[in-house]
Amino acid sequence: MNMKPAIQFQLRDYRTSGFILFLVNAILVSLVPLGLFSINVDDQFSYSAYGFSAAIYMLVCGIVFARQVIRLCAQMGTGRKTAFRSLFPSVILAALVIALAGEILMVTAQTLWGSVTNAYFNDLYGLIYHGFEQELTLPQHGVSVLFSTCLMLACYGFGLFCTTLFWRLNKLGCVIAGILMGTILLFGVPFLSLQFVAQMDMLLAFCLASPWNCMGVFLVIFLCFSIIAWFLVRNVHIRAVSK
């Protein structure tokens, strides 16, 4: 079936919520020259929160939007496979636009205030691979947009996995899964990191060696969680969206 209506429905939600995300960051950026909402390093202010906030935003979108879209499409007679597939062009386009808007915001802020204050505006790519004081070239800004996009997709994939997992389980299973996931995040991940410290160091070194390596890891995470989410949602009971 045609995915266009489902994609248009999702893009409308992304447009509204993404604009709010951008507006909040624009307000915070305007306060950086005053020394607010920034990191103070040697009397120099750095703002690199856009990438973090966009990643959290996409995590929430994966948890909230996906289930809503699949249920609404089922109510309108669209198959779950078509509804599930429509999630990905929508989120990829939304992530690209949000990342590009953030990069433009950082460049604009650096142009306006970077030369007259001791503030630096940079996103995660520049902060990790070039340091917060170095200005990026035009190709590097393009890499920064792709880096943020891949990070957002990885977070979206994890959110999609979480919402389909809890959707598939009954109430008792949701409680057990919530406790287990919280326990794993608090104790399991640090324990495994210590047990496999060499492998973790290798993975970290691999990611830090090149932004393309890190983007590849993000995309693998996105792909793996998306595949698992499909196996979870393919047989789930879908109820109509309440009016």
Foldseek 3Di string as FASTA:
>chain_A
DDLVVLLVVLLVVLVVVLVVLLVVVLVQLVCVLVVPPFDQDPNATEDACSLVSLLVVLLVCLQPVLLVSLQACVVVVHDSVSSLVSVPVNLLVSLLVSLLSLLVSQVVSCVVPVVPGRYFYDYDQCCLQPNRVDDDDPVVSVLSSLLSSLSSLLSSLVSNLVNLQCLLDDPVVNVVVVVVVVCCVVPVVVVVCVVPVVVVVVLVCQCSVDVVSVSVVSVVSSVVSSVNSCVSNVPGDHDHDDD
